[in-house]
Amino acid sequence: MLKVLSVASECVPLVKTGGLADVVGALPRALAPHGVEMRTLLPGYGAVMDALEGAEPLEVDLPEGRVLGGRAAGLDLFVLDAPDLFAREGGAYLDPEGRDWPDNPERFAALSLAADAVGAIWGADVIHAHDWQAGLAPLFARRRGGPSVMTIHNVAFQGNAPMDRAGAMHLLPEDLSGEVAEYWGQISTLKAGIAVADAVTTVSPTYAAELATDDFGMGLAGLIRHRGADVHGILNGIDTEAWAPPYGDPAGKAAHRAALLAEFGLPDTDGPLCVVVSRLTLQKGLDLLLQALPALVDQGGALALLGTGDVAIEAGFREAASHPLVGVRIGYDEALSHRMMAGGDAILIPSRFEPCGLTQLYGLHHGTVPVVANVGGLADTVIDANDAALRADAATGIKLRDVTTHELARALHKTLALHRNKEVWTGIQRRGMAHPVGWDVSAAEYAALYRRISG
């Protein structure tokens, strides 16, 4: 049995701000059939500590806190119990006023340092670090010759910190070169992980290719190109049990659609009920949806939106909710997101970039037709309903040809037209529900990668 220590800042169902948590929570169970024992190291946030059962301290010597081993939510965990760093009111990364915790660099450097100590005492064959919060874990593992994988879930977040924080982040002078952690006069923990890990993965094949381009690499494209064949695009999956639709056929959506319309105070309509479950940010292209919305509602389509994020975009959707066919909930509600997948006819994801995206996978699994930008994992998982795909009975969604207001409006018009043809629409739904969205293939790829780098 190969032993892999997964290091992350969030994990479903204990703490979640985005799709990273879903992936970290799903991987241990997905990898078990492939001969991989994965345990996850998390920060000791209040919610994690409250859920931890059977906690036993590990004999590791750390400058900050202690490590406890135990179980929570069916997962085998190690937890960095450092109250000064993690037992706080507020979020994982933000204070109660929504600002970054000023000591985030030190908080997550401590997590990475703990990963190396835990990996050594537990006998991990591989350290698997997720995003900038664990970006220094491959660097610390390299000091003792331990193999590591660095996964980029979103290159836009790079863990930058001033150089004068290096000592508090346990970095040595040789770590601060341009070949490792130095990035335009600052420290980048994500860059460090990419530079030194034995393998780098991203969460979809298309995103791996995009990261090597200046348009998508966000300053790290040169490093990605330099790593070359060490960079692998492994598509995310979803937990198909946790996200199982409450019906086995598209016809079963009718009752859930009616309930969702009522929950959002929307009238029944012959047009499609489109849903959005998302962070409300420019990355997600939701400013474009505000501008393109008349293309949907003027022809009888409805929108139900759940999300939080950019203040201006939130305000725009609150104003849009004055239209009788637009319902908006600002915030996040996990249970409501499941009801929206079950009740929606289509899910809108016009992202400017999308490393993988899980939302379109939830949509496919529920027969909620994805309307997506042709980027990243969206490009890899949705088959556009063009003429050829429709004739071949292959289409599973609708793709934008470009990420613009005009093109989104065109895609909404196409959604309306396809929805009017119930036979065609039901066929798209059925193919989506039959599309493989679980972890079977991707877990096997991860297991093979772990074995290759661990020798």
Protein backbone atom coordinates (compact mmCIF):
# COMPACT_ATOMS: atom_id res chain seq x y z
CA MET A 1 0.00 0.00 0.00
CA LEU A 2 1.46 3.35 -1.09
CA LYS A 3 1.20 6.06 1.58
CA VAL A 4 0.46 9.61 0.43
CA LEU A 5 0.13 12.65 2.68
CA SER A 6 -2.26 15.22 1.18
CA VAL A 7 -1.65 18.76 2.47
CA ALA A 8 -4.39 21.35 2.05
CA SER A 9 -6.02 24.35 3.65
CA GLU A 10 -9.61 23.14 3.24
CA CYS A 11 -11.53 19.89 2.91
CA VAL A 12 -15.20 19.01 2.49
CA PRO A 13 -17.23 18.73 4.66
CA LEU A 14 -15.13 20.38 7.38
CA VAL A 15 -14.12 23.67 5.78
CA LYS A 16 -14.84 24.95 2.28
CA THR A 17 -14.39 28.13 0.28
CA GLY A 18 -14.29 26.55 -3.19
CA GLY A 19 -13.75 23.49 -5.34
CA LEU A 20 -10.35 22.77 -3.76
CA ALA A 21 -12.18 21.49 -0.68
CA ASP A 22 -14.33 19.11 -2.74
CA VAL A 23 -11.28 17.58 -4.42
CA VAL A 24 -9.31 17.18 -1.18
CA GLY A 25 -12.29 15.55 0.51
CA ALA A 26 -12.93 13.13 -2.37
CA LEU A 27 -9.40 11.96 -3.17
CA PRO A 28 -8.74 9.59 -0.22
CA ARG A 29 -11.77 7.43 -0.95
CA ALA A 30 -11.20 7.59 -4.72
CA LEU A 31 -7.59 6.42 -4.36
CA ALA A 32 -8.17 3.54 -1.94
CA PRO A 33 -9.17 1.03 -4.67
CA HIS A 34 -5.87 1.83 -6.42
CA GLY A 35 -3.69 0.73 -3.51
CA VAL A 36 -3.10 4.22 -2.11
CA GLU A 37 -3.56 5.07 1.56
CA MET A 38 -4.05 8.82 1.71
CA ARG A 39 -4.26 10.86 4.87
CA THR A 40 -4.91 14.57 4.86
CA LEU A 41 -3.12 17.25 6.89
CA LEU A 42 -5.33 20.26 7.68
CA PRO A 43 -4.99 23.41 9.76
CA GLY A 44 -6.63 23.21 13.18
CA TYR A 45 -9.49 25.61 12.49
CA GLY A 46 -12.23 25.58 15.12
CA ALA A 47 -14.57 23.51 12.94
CA VAL A 48 -11.86 20.93 12.30
CA MET A 49 -10.91 20.64 15.95
CA ASP A 50 -14.55 20.33 16.99
CA ALA A 51 -15.10 17.46 14.53
CA LEU A 52 -11.88 15.55 15.29
CA GLU A 53 -12.44 12.19 16.99
CA GLY A 54 -9.94 9.89 18.66
CA ALA A 55 -7.23 12.56 18.61
CA GLU A 56 -3.75 11.32 19.45
CA PRO A 57 -0.65 13.56 19.43
CA LEU A 58 2.24 12.71 17.12
CA GLU A 59 5.78 12.91 18.42
CA VAL A 60 6.93 15.71 16.15
CA ASP A 61 8.92 18.76 17.14
CA LEU A 62 7.51 21.91 15.55
CA PRO A 63 8.13 25.62 16.18
CA GLU A 64 4.37 26.26 16.10
CA GLY A 65 1.75 24.00 17.64
CA ARG A 66 1.46 20.22 17.70
CA VAL A 67 0.04 17.61 15.33
CA LEU A 68 -2.91 15.40 16.22
CA GLY A 69 -3.97 12.28 14.37
CA GLY A 70 -7.63 11.30 14.30
CA ARG A 71 -10.77 10.98 12.22
CA ALA A 72 -13.50 13.39 11.19
CA ALA A 73 -16.34 13.06 8.68
CA GLY A 74 -15.12 9.62 7.68
CA LEU A 75 -11.61 10.87 6.83
CA ASP A 76 -8.27 9.92 8.37
CA LEU A 77 -6.64 13.21 9.30
CA PHE A 78 -3.60 14.86 10.74
CA VAL A 79 -4.36 18.29 12.15
CA LEU A 80 -1.93 21.10 12.97
CA ASP A 81 -3.24 22.24 16.35
CA ALA A 82 -1.81 25.75 16.57
CA PRO A 83 -4.44 27.97 18.22
CA ASP A 84 -2.45 31.18 17.73
CA LEU A 85 -2.54 30.58 13.98
CA PHE A 86 -5.90 28.96 13.30
CA ALA A 87 -8.33 29.23 16.24
CA ARG A 88 -9.86 32.55 15.16
CA GLU A 89 -13.19 34.13 14.41
CA GLY A 90 -13.55 34.68 10.68
CA GLY A 91 -12.71 32.50 7.71
CA ALA A 92 -9.86 30.27 6.68
CA TYR A 93 -8.07 33.12 4.90
CA LEU A 94 -10.04 36.25 5.81
CA ASP A 95 -10.78 38.10 9.02
CA PRO A 96 -14.37 38.96 10.07
CA GLU A 97 -14.17 42.14 7.97
CA GLY A 98 -13.29 40.18 4.85
CA ARG A 99 -9.59 41.15 4.74
CA ASP A 100 -6.67 38.73 4.36
CA TRP A 101 -5.23 37.67 7.69
CA PRO A 102 -1.95 39.64 7.77
CA ASP A 103 0.00 36.57 8.92
CA ASN A 104 -1.30 34.23 6.20
CA PRO A 105 2.27 33.66 4.90
CA GLU A 106 3.40 32.40 8.32
CA ARG A 107 0.20 30.43 8.98
CA PHE A 108 0.50 28.31 5.87
CA ALA A 109 4.29 28.06 5.99
CA ALA A 110 3.73 26.41 9.37
CA LEU A 111 1.32 23.97 7.72
CA SER A 112 3.90 23.11 5.06
CA LEU A 113 6.62 22.62 7.67
CA ALA A 114 4.32 20.33 9.63
CA ALA A 115 3.71 18.33 6.45
CA ASP A 116 7.38 17.46 6.17
CA ALA A 117 7.57 16.39 9.81
CA VAL A 118 4.37 14.33 9.62
CA GLY A 119 5.41 12.76 6.33
CA ALA A 120 8.68 11.62 7.85
CA ILE A 121 7.22 10.10 11.01
CA TRP A 122 4.19 8.53 9.27
CA GLY A 123 6.39 7.14 6.51
CA ALA A 124 4.72 8.87 3.59
CA ASP A 125 6.00 7.77 0.18
CA VAL A 126 4.80 11.03 -1.40
CA ILE A 127 3.75 14.47 -0.19
CA HIS A 128 0.86 15.88 -2.27
CA ALA A 129 0.58 19.66 -1.85
CA HIS A 130 -2.48 21.63 -2.96
CA ASP A 131 -2.25 25.26 -4.11
CA TRP A 132 -0.22 28.10 -2.61
CA GLN A 133 -1.21 27.34 0.96
CA ALA A 134 0.84 24.13 0.77
CA GLY A 135 3.33 25.45 -1.77
CA LEU A 136 6.30 25.24 0.58
CA ALA A 137 5.66 21.58 1.45
CA PRO A 138 7.58 20.28 -1.62
CA LEU A 139 10.47 22.60 -0.71
CA PHE A 140 10.67 21.33 2.87
CA ALA A 141 10.25 17.73 1.67
CA ARG A 142 13.15 18.18 -0.78
CA ARG A 143 15.49 19.01 2.10
CA ARG A 144 15.22 15.40 3.25
CA GLY A 145 14.90 13.92 -0.24
CA GLY A 146 11.15 13.21 -0.05
CA PRO A 147 9.16 12.96 -3.32
CA SER A 148 6.32 15.44 -3.83
CA VAL A 149 3.50 16.45 -6.15
CA MET A 150 2.32 20.05 -6.48
CA THR A 151 -1.24 20.59 -7.72
CA ILE A 152 -2.26 23.96 -9.14
CA HIS A 153 -5.98 24.39 -8.61
CA ASN A 154 -5.94 28.06 -9.60
CA VAL A 155 -2.76 29.84 -10.68
CA ALA A 156 -4.33 33.23 -9.96
CA PHE A 157 -3.62 32.71 -6.25
CA GLN A 158 0.15 32.54 -5.75
CA GLY A 159 0.84 33.08 -2.05
CA ASN A 160 2.99 36.17 -2.45
CA ALA A 161 4.74 37.66 0.58
CA PRO A 162 7.44 40.29 1.21
CA MET A 163 11.04 39.07 1.35
CA ASP A 164 11.40 40.22 4.95
CA ARG A 165 8.99 37.43 5.99
CA ALA A 166 11.40 34.71 4.82
CA GLY A 167 12.76 33.88 8.27
CA ALA A 168 9.31 33.61 9.82
CA MET A 169 8.35 31.30 6.92
CA HIS A 170 11.31 28.97 7.70
CA LEU A 171 13.03 29.73 4.39
CA LEU A 172 16.79 29.55 3.88
CA PRO A 173 18.82 31.99 1.77
CA GLU A 174 19.17 29.41 -1.00
CA ASP A 175 15.37 29.11 -1.18
CA LEU A 176 15.07 32.76 -2.18
CA SER A 177 16.70 32.51 -5.60
CA GLY A 178 14.88 33.18 -8.84
CA GLU A 179 14.96 29.45 -9.55
CA VAL A 180 12.90 28.67 -6.43
CA ALA A 181 10.72 31.08 -4.42
CA GLU A 182 11.71 34.58 -5.58
CA TYR A 183 9.06 36.23 -7.75
CA TRP A 184 9.53 39.89 -8.80
CA GLY A 185 11.25 40.73 -5.52
CA GLN A 186 8.75 38.83 -3.40
CA ILE A 187 8.30 35.28 -2.15
CA SER A 188 5.79 33.14 -4.05
CA THR A 189 4.93 29.91 -2.29
CA LEU A 190 3.13 28.58 -5.37
CA LYS A 191 6.18 29.24 -7.52
CA ALA A 192 8.38 27.43 -5.00
CA GLY A 193 6.17 24.35 -5.12
CA ILE A 194 6.06 24.33 -8.92
CA ALA A 195 9.82 24.78 -9.14
CA VAL A 196 10.90 21.95 -6.82
CA ALA A 197 8.15 19.30 -6.81
CA ASP A 198 8.95 16.05 -8.58
CA ALA A 199 5.71 16.41 -10.55
CA VAL A 200 3.26 19.25 -11.11
CA THR A 201 -0.39 18.60 -11.82
CA THR A 202 -3.25 20.81 -12.85
CA VAL A 203 -6.90 19.94 -12.68
CA SER A 204 -7.62 19.48 -16.40
CA PRO A 205 -5.60 18.76 -19.55
CA THR A 206 -6.66 22.01 -21.25
CA TYR A 207 -5.70 24.08 -18.21
CA ALA A 208 -2.26 22.44 -18.23
CA ALA A 209 -1.79 23.61 -21.81
CA GLU A 210 -3.22 27.06 -21.06
CA LEU A 211 -0.83 27.60 -18.12
CA ALA A 212 2.13 27.39 -20.50
CA THR A 213 0.81 30.45 -22.38
CA ASP A 214 1.33 34.04 -21.34
CA ASP A 215 -2.41 34.72 -21.57
CA PHE A 216 -3.27 32.20 -18.85
CA GLY A 217 -0.03 31.57 -16.94
CA MET A 218 -0.28 34.78 -14.86
CA GLY A 219 3.46 35.31 -14.77
CA LEU A 220 4.39 31.67 -14.26
CA ALA A 221 4.07 30.46 -17.86
CA GLY A 222 7.85 30.39 -18.34
CA LEU A 223 8.31 28.17 -15.30
CA ILE A 224 5.51 25.87 -16.47
CA ARG A 225 7.15 25.59 -19.89
CA HIS A 226 10.48 24.89 -18.19
CA ARG A 227 8.96 22.01 -16.20
CA GLY A 228 7.79 20.54 -19.51
CA ALA A 229 6.90 16.85 -19.26
CA ASP A 230 6.78 17.08 -15.45
CA VAL A 231 3.45 18.95 -15.79
CA HIS A 232 0.35 16.75 -16.02
CA GLY A 233 -3.28 17.68 -16.57
CA ILE A 234 -5.45 15.30 -14.54
CA LEU A 235 -9.14 16.08 -14.71
CA ASN A 236 -11.02 16.50 -11.46
CA GLY A 237 -13.98 14.28 -10.69
CA ILE A 238 -16.88 14.66 -8.31
CA ASP A 239 -18.24 12.55 -5.47
CA THR A 240 -21.09 10.93 -7.38
CA GLU A 241 -22.67 9.64 -4.19
CA ALA A 242 -22.72 12.99 -2.41
CA TRP A 243 -24.06 14.60 -5.60
CA ALA A 244 -26.41 11.84 -6.69
CA PRO A 245 -29.54 13.33 -8.31
CA PRO A 246 -32.82 12.53 -6.54
CA TYR A 247 -34.18 10.98 -9.74
CA GLY A 248 -32.92 8.59 -12.41
CA ASP A 249 -34.35 10.24 -15.50
CA PRO A 250 -34.80 13.83 -16.73
CA ALA A 251 -38.56 13.47 -16.33
CA GLY A 252 -37.96 13.34 -12.59
CA LYS A 253 -36.73 16.95 -12.60
CA ALA A 254 -40.26 18.39 -12.97
CA ALA A 255 -41.17 18.32 -9.28
CA HIS A 256 -37.78 19.72 -8.25
CA ARG A 257 -38.06 22.47 -10.87
CA ALA A 258 -41.45 23.51 -9.52
CA ALA A 259 -40.10 23.54 -5.97
CA LEU A 260 -37.08 25.62 -6.97
CA LEU A 261 -39.24 28.19 -8.77
CA ALA A 262 -41.35 28.50 -5.63
CA GLU A 263 -38.28 28.76 -3.38
CA PHE A 264 -36.95 31.70 -5.43
CA GLY A 265 -40.39 33.29 -5.79
CA LEU A 266 -40.39 32.86 -9.57
CA PRO A 267 -43.45 32.22 -11.73
CA ASP A 268 -43.79 29.08 -13.81
CA THR A 269 -42.50 29.64 -17.32
CA ASP A 270 -42.22 27.69 -20.54
CA GLY A 271 -38.65 28.91 -20.94
CA PRO A 272 -35.64 27.25 -19.31
CA LEU A 273 -34.91 27.81 -15.65
CA CYS A 274 -31.21 28.66 -15.69
CA VAL A 275 -29.20 28.46 -12.47
CA VAL A 276 -25.90 29.94 -11.33
CA VAL A 277 -24.03 28.61 -8.28
CA SER A 278 -20.76 30.51 -8.18
CA ARG A 279 -18.42 33.03 -6.72
CA LEU A 280 -19.54 36.36 -8.19
CA THR A 281 -16.27 37.46 -9.76
CA LEU A 282 -14.84 38.70 -13.04
CA GLN A 283 -13.07 35.34 -13.45
CA LYS A 284 -16.46 33.64 -13.54
CA GLY A 285 -17.70 36.04 -16.24
CA LEU A 286 -20.76 37.00 -14.25
CA ASP A 287 -20.43 40.67 -15.15
CA LEU A 288 -21.10 39.48 -18.71
CA LEU A 289 -24.21 37.63 -17.58
CA LEU A 290 -25.59 40.84 -16.09
CA GLN A 291 -25.23 42.49 -19.49
CA ALA A 292 -26.58 39.50 -21.46
CA LEU A 293 -29.50 38.78 -19.12
CA PRO A 294 -32.16 40.38 -21.38
CA ALA A 295 -31.40 37.70 -24.00
CA LEU A 296 -32.75 35.16 -21.49
CA VAL A 297 -35.59 36.86 -19.65
CA ASP A 298 -37.06 38.78 -22.60
CA GLN A 299 -37.90 35.41 -24.18
CA GLY A 300 -39.35 33.81 -21.09
CA GLY A 301 -36.26 32.22 -19.58
CA ALA A 302 -35.71 32.51 -15.83
CA LEU A 303 -32.61 32.83 -13.65
CA ALA A 304 -32.01 31.58 -10.10
CA LEU A 305 -28.62 32.64 -8.73
CA LEU A 306 -26.74 31.72 -5.56
CA GLY A 307 -23.37 33.27 -4.85
CA THR A 308 -21.25 35.89 -3.17
CA GLY A 309 -18.17 37.83 -4.16
CA ASP A 310 -17.45 41.14 -5.90
CA VAL A 311 -19.52 43.90 -4.29
CA ALA A 312 -20.38 45.55 -7.62
CA ILE A 313 -21.51 42.26 -9.19
CA GLU A 314 -23.57 41.42 -6.09
CA ALA A 315 -25.24 44.83 -6.38
CA GLY A 316 -25.89 44.28 -10.08
CA PHE A 317 -27.71 41.01 -9.44
CA ARG A 318 -29.70 42.48 -6.55
CA GLU A 319 -30.90 45.12 -8.97
CA ALA A 320 -31.58 42.51 -11.66
CA ALA A 321 -33.79 40.65 -9.17
CA SER A 322 -36.41 43.36 -9.61
CA HIS A 323 -37.34 41.49 -12.80
CA PRO A 324 -40.05 38.91 -12.10
CA LEU A 325 -38.06 36.13 -13.80
CA VAL A 326 -34.85 36.70 -11.80
CA GLY A 327 -34.29 35.34 -8.30
CA VAL A 328 -31.08 36.02 -6.37
CA ARG A 329 -29.61 34.74 -3.10
CA ILE A 330 -26.40 36.44 -2.00
CA GLY A 331 -24.37 34.05 0.13
CA TYR A 332 -23.65 30.34 0.06
CA ASP A 333 -25.88 27.45 1.07
CA GLU A 334 -24.64 23.92 0.34
CA ALA A 335 -28.08 22.31 0.63
CA LEU A 336 -29.61 24.93 -1.65
CA SER A 337 -26.89 24.33 -4.24
CA HIS A 338 -27.98 20.67 -4.41
CA ARG A 339 -31.63 21.69 -4.86
CA MET A 340 -30.62 24.07 -7.64
CA MET A 341 -28.78 21.32 -9.51
CA ALA A 342 -31.85 19.12 -9.20
CA GLY A 343 -34.36 21.77 -10.24
CA GLY A 344 -32.52 23.76 -12.89
CA ASP A 345 -32.89 23.18 -16.62
CA ALA A 346 -29.47 24.68 -17.45
CA ILE A 347 -26.45 25.92 -15.51
CA LEU A 348 -24.55 28.99 -16.71
CA ILE A 349 -20.73 29.08 -16.42
CA PRO A 350 -19.31 31.85 -18.68
CA SER A 351 -15.86 31.85 -17.03
CA ARG A 352 -12.97 33.82 -18.47
CA PHE A 353 -10.75 31.01 -17.23
CA GLU A 354 -11.66 27.83 -15.36
CA PRO A 355 -8.94 25.40 -14.22
CA CYS A 356 -11.40 22.51 -14.08
CA GLY A 357 -14.75 23.51 -12.72
CA LEU A 358 -16.90 21.13 -10.73
CA THR A 359 -20.18 22.93 -11.28
CA GLN A 360 -20.56 21.75 -14.86
CA LEU A 361 -19.92 18.18 -13.67
CA TYR A 362 -22.68 18.51 -11.07
CA GLY A 363 -24.89 19.87 -13.86
CA LEU A 364 -24.14 16.98 -16.21
CA HIS A 365 -24.79 14.46 -13.46
CA HIS A 366 -28.21 16.03 -12.77
CA GLY A 367 -29.27 16.54 -16.39
CA THR A 368 -28.91 20.30 -15.87
CA VAL A 369 -27.47 21.33 -19.22
CA PRO A 370 -24.17 23.25 -18.91
CA VAL A 371 -23.80 26.50 -20.87
CA VAL A 372 -20.07 27.12 -20.63
CA ALA A 373 -17.07 29.03 -21.90
CA ASN A 374 -14.68 26.95 -23.99
CA VAL A 375 -11.76 27.15 -21.54
CA GLY A 376 -9.92 24.86 -19.11
CA GLY A 377 -11.86 21.95 -17.73
CA LEU A 378 -15.08 23.29 -19.24
CA ALA A 379 -13.59 22.59 -22.67
CA ASP A 380 -12.58 19.08 -21.58
CA THR A 381 -15.91 17.98 -20.11
CA VAL A 382 -18.73 19.46 -22.21
CA ILE A 383 -19.56 18.50 -25.82
CA ASP A 384 -21.09 21.46 -27.67
CA ALA A 385 -24.51 21.09 -29.23
CA ASN A 386 -23.31 22.06 -32.70
CA ASP A 387 -24.98 20.59 -35.76
CA ALA A 388 -22.52 17.69 -36.08
CA ALA A 389 -22.78 16.72 -32.39
CA LEU A 390 -26.58 16.90 -32.48
CA ARG A 391 -26.74 14.71 -35.58
CA ALA A 392 -24.41 12.20 -33.90
CA ASP A 393 -26.41 12.25 -30.64
CA ALA A 394 -23.24 13.34 -28.82
CA ALA A 395 -24.00 16.83 -27.46
CA THR A 396 -24.07 17.34 -23.69
CA GLY A 397 -24.12 21.16 -23.42
CA ILE A 398 -23.65 24.51 -25.09
CA LYS A 399 -20.28 26.26 -25.50
CA LEU A 400 -19.47 29.91 -26.02
CA ARG A 401 -17.13 30.53 -28.94
CA ASP A 402 -15.62 33.50 -27.10
CA VAL A 403 -16.08 35.02 -23.65
CA THR A 404 -18.00 38.18 -24.56
CA THR A 405 -21.42 39.59 -23.79
CA HIS A 406 -22.49 39.14 -27.42
CA GLU A 407 -21.41 35.50 -27.49
CA LEU A 408 -23.07 34.75 -24.15
CA ALA A 409 -26.28 36.28 -25.47
CA ARG A 410 -26.00 34.04 -28.55
CA ALA A 411 -25.54 30.98 -26.32
CA LEU A 412 -28.60 31.96 -24.26
CA HIS A 413 -30.66 32.30 -27.44
CA LYS A 414 -29.47 28.84 -28.48
CA THR A 415 -30.40 27.47 -25.06
CA LEU A 416 -33.90 28.86 -25.43
CA ALA A 417 -34.25 27.37 -28.92
CA LEU A 418 -33.02 23.92 -27.91
CA HIS A 419 -35.24 23.92 -24.84
CA ARG A 420 -38.32 24.45 -27.03
CA ASN A 421 -37.56 21.15 -28.80
CA LYS A 422 -38.32 18.78 -25.93
CA GLU A 423 -37.04 15.68 -27.73
CA VAL A 424 -33.67 17.27 -28.49
CA TRP A 425 -33.39 18.82 -25.02
CA THR A 426 -34.17 15.55 -23.26
CA GLY A 427 -31.53 13.81 -25.37
CA ILE A 428 -28.91 16.34 -24.26
CA GLN A 429 -29.96 15.81 -20.64
CA ARG A 430 -29.80 12.03 -20.89
CA ARG A 431 -26.32 12.08 -22.40
CA GLY A 432 -25.14 14.43 -19.67
CA MET A 433 -26.47 12.14 -16.97
CA ALA A 434 -24.66 9.19 -18.60
CA HIS A 435 -21.36 11.09 -18.92
CA PRO A 436 -18.65 9.75 -16.56
CA VAL A 437 -17.95 12.47 -13.99
CA GLY A 438 -16.52 10.44 -11.11
CA TRP A 439 -12.94 9.82 -10.04
CA ASP A 440 -12.30 6.36 -11.55
CA VAL A 441 -9.98 7.36 -14.40
CA SER A 442 -8.34 10.31 -12.68
CA ALA A 443 -7.64 8.41 -9.45
CA ALA A 444 -5.81 5.76 -11.47
CA GLU A 445 -3.71 8.51 -13.10
CA TYR A 446 -2.80 9.97 -9.71
CA ALA A 447 -1.89 6.52 -8.34
CA ALA A 448 0.36 5.85 -11.34
CA LEU A 449 2.04 9.24 -10.91
CA TYR A 450 2.68 8.66 -7.20
CA ARG A 451 4.29 5.30 -7.95
CA ARG A 452 6.44 6.72 -10.71
CA ILE A 453 7.92 9.55 -8.62
CA SER A 454 8.32 7.42 -5.48
CA GLY A 455 10.32 4.83 -7.41
